[in-house]
Amino acid sequence: MRNLYADWRGKASDVAAYLRLDAGRHPDDPHTVELLDELTSGSPEFRAAWAEHRLKDKTHGRYVYRHPVVGELDLGFETLRLPDDPDQALIAHTVDEGTPSETALRLLANWARETLPVGAER
């Protein structure tokens, strides 16, 4: 995962803040408690991020990903939530038109079509 994100520390800090928000929404969830115990005992980086006490909801933003085939992908994201069930979310990534990231995504899409087995749905 460290190689996937150009700003891994920033992403890790965001994830800790998302998890803190979720833990506050569901303080008695045994799976969350178990996960937090595992992460804080096994990762000094997570302990440091957790100690920041940040709360963050994943609403919108940008991340730069490092893809092993096409290189960096600068993608935006928007999170769509159902008003009656905020624990369910659809995260849509977008790319700016005419950018190297758009070209890279087109290359990946073409590569995926070419590598699908014969008869597989497209």
C-alpha atoms as a PDB file:
ATOM      1  CA  MET A   1       0.000   0.000   0.000  1.00  0.00           C
ATOM      2  CA  ARG A   2       2.862   2.389   0.684  1.00  0.00           C
ATOM      3  CA  ASN A   3       3.816   2.304  -2.997  1.00  0.00           C
ATOM      4  CA  LEU A   4       0.235   2.824  -4.224  1.00  0.00           C
ATOM      5  CA  TYR A   5      -0.139   6.367  -2.879  1.00  0.00           C
ATOM      6  CA  ALA A   6       2.240   9.186  -3.806  1.00  0.00           C
ATOM      7  CA  ASP A   7       1.459  10.730  -0.400  1.00  0.00           C
ATOM      8  CA  TRP A   8       1.229   7.589   1.703  1.00  0.00           C
ATOM      9  CA  ARG A   9       1.588   9.441   5.020  1.00  0.00           C
ATOM     10  CA  GLY A  10      -1.262  11.784   4.102  1.00  0.00           C
ATOM     11  CA  LYS A  11      -3.451   8.884   3.032  1.00  0.00           C
ATOM     12  CA  ALA A  12      -2.640   6.947   6.217  1.00  0.00           C
ATOM     13  CA  SER A  13      -3.518   9.991   8.322  1.00  0.00           C
ATOM     14  CA  ASP A  14      -6.818  10.371   6.432  1.00  0.00           C
ATOM     15  CA  VAL A  15      -7.684   6.705   6.948  1.00  0.00           C
ATOM     16  CA  ALA A  16      -7.021   7.001  10.682  1.00  0.00           C
ATOM     17  CA  ALA A  17      -9.304  10.067  10.777  1.00  0.00           C
ATOM     18  CA  TYR A  18     -12.041   8.201   8.848  1.00  0.00           C
ATOM     19  CA  LEU A  19     -11.712   5.273  11.229  1.00  0.00           C
ATOM     20  CA  ARG A  20     -11.886   7.563  14.280  1.00  0.00           C
ATOM     21  CA  LEU A  21     -15.125   9.084  12.932  1.00  0.00           C
ATOM     22  CA  ASP A  22     -16.579   5.627  12.316  1.00  0.00           C
ATOM     23  CA  ALA A  23     -15.480   4.399  15.764  1.00  0.00           C
ATOM     24  CA  GLY A  24     -17.300   7.379  17.281  1.00  0.00           C
ATOM     25  CA  ARG A  25     -20.456   6.472  15.375  1.00  0.00           C
ATOM     26  CA  HIS A  26     -20.234   2.826  16.496  1.00  0.00           C
ATOM     27  CA  PRO A  27     -18.369   2.784  19.822  1.00  0.00           C
ATOM     28  CA  ASP A  28     -19.535  -0.698  20.802  1.00  0.00           C
ATOM     29  CA  ASP A  29     -18.702  -2.455  17.533  1.00  0.00           C
ATOM     30  CA  PRO A  30     -16.417  -5.352  18.547  1.00  0.00           C
ATOM     31  CA  HIS A  31     -14.854  -5.596  15.069  1.00  0.00           C
ATOM     32  CA  THR A  32     -13.792  -1.949  15.178  1.00  0.00           C
ATOM     33  CA  VAL A  33     -12.389  -2.343  18.687  1.00  0.00           C
ATOM     34  CA  GLU A  34     -10.448  -5.429  17.571  1.00  0.00           C
ATOM     35  CA  LEU A  35      -9.114  -3.628  14.484  1.00  0.00           C
ATOM     36  CA  LEU A  36      -8.014  -0.620  16.518  1.00  0.00           C
ATOM     37  CA  ASP A  37      -6.238  -2.875  19.025  1.00  0.00           C
ATOM     38  CA  GLU A  38      -4.427  -4.665  16.198  1.00  0.00           C
ATOM     39  CA  LEU A  39      -3.415  -1.458  14.414  1.00  0.00           C
ATOM     40  CA  THR A  40      -2.263   0.441  17.494  1.00  0.00           C
ATOM     41  CA  SER A  41      -0.229  -2.492  18.796  1.00  0.00           C
ATOM     42  CA  GLY A  42       1.309  -3.399  15.442  1.00  0.00           C
ATOM     43  CA  SER A  43       1.990  -0.099  13.713  1.00  0.00           C
ATOM     44  CA  PRO A  44       3.918   2.881  15.092  1.00  0.00           C
ATOM     45  CA  GLU A  45       2.722   4.913  12.081  1.00  0.00           C
ATOM     46  CA  PHE A  46      -0.916   4.165  12.876  1.00  0.00           C
ATOM     47  CA  ARG A  47      -0.363   4.957  16.575  1.00  0.00           C
ATOM     48  CA  ALA A  48       1.039   8.363  15.590  1.00  0.00           C
ATOM     49  CA  ALA A  49      -1.853   9.074  13.193  1.00  0.00           C
ATOM     50  CA  TRP A  50      -4.394   7.884  15.768  1.00  0.00           C
ATOM     51  CA  ALA A  51      -2.830  10.132  18.423  1.00  0.00           C
ATOM     52  CA  GLU A  52      -3.576  13.174  16.235  1.00  0.00           C
ATOM     53  CA  HIS A  53      -7.271  12.729  17.197  1.00  0.00           C
ATOM     54  CA  ARG A  54      -8.412  13.940  13.778  1.00  0.00           C
ATOM     55  CA  LEU A  55     -11.951  13.313  12.581  1.00  0.00           C
ATOM     56  CA  LYS A  56     -12.617  13.304   8.872  1.00  0.00           C
ATOM     57  CA  ASP A  57     -15.412  12.143   6.643  1.00  0.00           C
ATOM     58  CA  LYS A  58     -14.534  10.972   3.155  1.00  0.00           C
ATOM     59  CA  THR A  59     -16.621  13.413   1.136  1.00  0.00           C
ATOM     60  CA  HIS A  60     -14.465  14.578  -1.778  1.00  0.00           C
ATOM     61  CA  GLY A  61     -10.866  15.201  -2.644  1.00  0.00           C
ATOM     62  CA  ARG A  62      -7.927  13.999  -4.714  1.00  0.00           C
ATOM     63  CA  TYR A  63      -5.344  11.283  -4.431  1.00  0.00           C
ATOM     64  CA  VAL A  64      -2.350  10.553  -6.602  1.00  0.00           C
ATOM     65  CA  TYR A  65      -1.950   6.827  -7.137  1.00  0.00           C
ATOM     66  CA  ARG A  66       1.124   5.035  -8.468  1.00  0.00           C
ATOM     67  CA  HIS A  67       0.128   2.306 -10.883  1.00  0.00           C
ATOM     68  CA  PRO A  68       2.810  -0.281 -11.712  1.00  0.00           C
ATOM     69  CA  VAL A  69       1.966  -0.232 -15.441  1.00  0.00           C
ATOM     70  CA  VAL A  70       0.956   3.355 -16.317  1.00  0.00           C
ATOM     71  CA  GLY A  71       2.577   5.396 -13.564  1.00  0.00           C
ATOM     72  CA  GLU A  72       0.919   8.194 -11.628  1.00  0.00           C
ATOM     73  CA  LEU A  73      -2.835   8.685 -11.732  1.00  0.00           C
ATOM     74  CA  ASP A  74      -4.172  11.956 -10.331  1.00  0.00           C
ATOM     75  CA  LEU A  75      -7.827  11.229  -9.581  1.00  0.00           C
ATOM     76  CA  GLY A  76     -10.570  13.118  -7.843  1.00  0.00           C
ATOM     77  CA  PHE A  77     -13.221  11.382  -5.783  1.00  0.00           C
ATOM     78  CA  GLU A  78     -16.745  12.094  -4.588  1.00  0.00           C
ATOM     79  CA  THR A  79     -18.523  10.070  -1.936  1.00  0.00           C
ATOM     80  CA  LEU A  80     -22.253   9.566  -2.310  1.00  0.00           C
ATOM     81  CA  ARG A  81     -24.198   8.449   0.770  1.00  0.00           C
ATOM     82  CA  LEU A  82     -27.789   7.417   1.250  1.00  0.00           C
ATOM     83  CA  PRO A  83     -29.523   9.781   3.684  1.00  0.00           C
ATOM     84  CA  ASP A  84     -31.186   6.883   5.505  1.00  0.00           C
ATOM     85  CA  ASP A  85     -28.020   4.773   5.751  1.00  0.00           C
ATOM     86  CA  PRO A  86     -24.844   6.848   6.092  1.00  0.00           C
ATOM     87  CA  ASP A  87     -22.781   3.689   6.615  1.00  0.00           C
ATOM     88  CA  GLN A  88     -23.299   2.793   2.960  1.00  0.00           C
ATOM     89  CA  ALA A  89     -21.275   4.791   0.445  1.00  0.00           C
ATOM     90  CA  LEU A  90     -20.441   4.830  -3.225  1.00  0.00           C
ATOM     91  CA  ILE A  91     -17.107   6.433  -4.020  1.00  0.00           C
ATOM     92  CA  ALA A  92     -16.727   7.629  -7.601  1.00  0.00           C
ATOM     93  CA  HIS A  93     -13.278   8.478  -8.939  1.00  0.00           C
ATOM     94  CA  THR A  94     -12.961  11.004 -11.734  1.00  0.00           C
ATOM     95  CA  VAL A  95     -10.193  12.159 -14.009  1.00  0.00           C
ATOM     96  CA  ASP A  96      -9.693  15.570 -15.595  1.00  0.00           C
ATOM     97  CA  GLU A  97     -10.113  15.569 -19.354  1.00  0.00           C
ATOM     98  CA  GLY A  98      -6.988  15.922 -21.447  1.00  0.00           C
ATOM     99  CA  THR A  99      -4.585  15.065 -18.637  1.00  0.00           C
ATOM    100  CA  PRO A 100      -1.882  12.395 -18.557  1.00  0.00           C
ATOM    101  CA  SER A 101      -4.062  10.587 -16.010  1.00  0.00           C
ATOM    102  CA  GLU A 102      -6.901  10.358 -18.527  1.00  0.00           C
ATOM    103  CA  THR A 103      -4.506   8.896 -21.097  1.00  0.00           C
ATOM    104  CA  ALA A 104      -3.229   6.397 -18.518  1.00  0.00           C
ATOM    105  CA  LEU A 105      -6.766   5.285 -17.627  1.00  0.00           C
ATOM    106  CA  ARG A 106      -7.595   4.801 -21.313  1.00  0.00           C
ATOM    107  CA  LEU A 107      -4.465   2.677 -21.681  1.00  0.00           C
ATOM    108  CA  LEU A 108      -5.530   0.565 -18.701  1.00  0.00           C
ATOM    109  CA  ALA A 109      -9.058   0.160 -20.084  1.00  0.00           C
ATOM    110  CA  ASN A 110      -7.716  -0.968 -23.464  1.00  0.00           C
ATOM    111  CA  TRP A 111      -5.248  -3.329 -21.790  1.00  0.00           C
ATOM    112  CA  ALA A 112      -8.048  -4.828 -19.683  1.00  0.00           C
ATOM    113  CA  ARG A 113     -10.207  -5.423 -22.790  1.00  0.00           C
ATOM    114  CA  GLU A 114      -7.292  -7.123 -24.538  1.00  0.00           C
ATOM    115  CA  THR A 115      -6.490  -9.400 -21.591  1.00  0.00           C
ATOM    116  CA  LEU A 116     -10.029 -10.606 -20.862  1.00  0.00           C
ATOM    117  CA  PRO A 117     -10.502 -14.297 -21.632  1.00  0.00           C
ATOM    118  CA  VAL A 118     -12.495 -15.130 -24.765  1.00  0.00           C
ATOM    119  CA  GLY A 119     -16.202 -15.138 -23.942  1.00  0.00           C
ATOM    120  CA  ALA A 120     -15.846 -13.002 -20.829  1.00  0.00           C
ATOM    121  CA  GLU A 121     -18.350 -10.189 -20.461  1.00  0.00           C
ATOM    122  CA  ARG A 122     -17.158  -6.693 -21.217  1.00  0.00           C
END
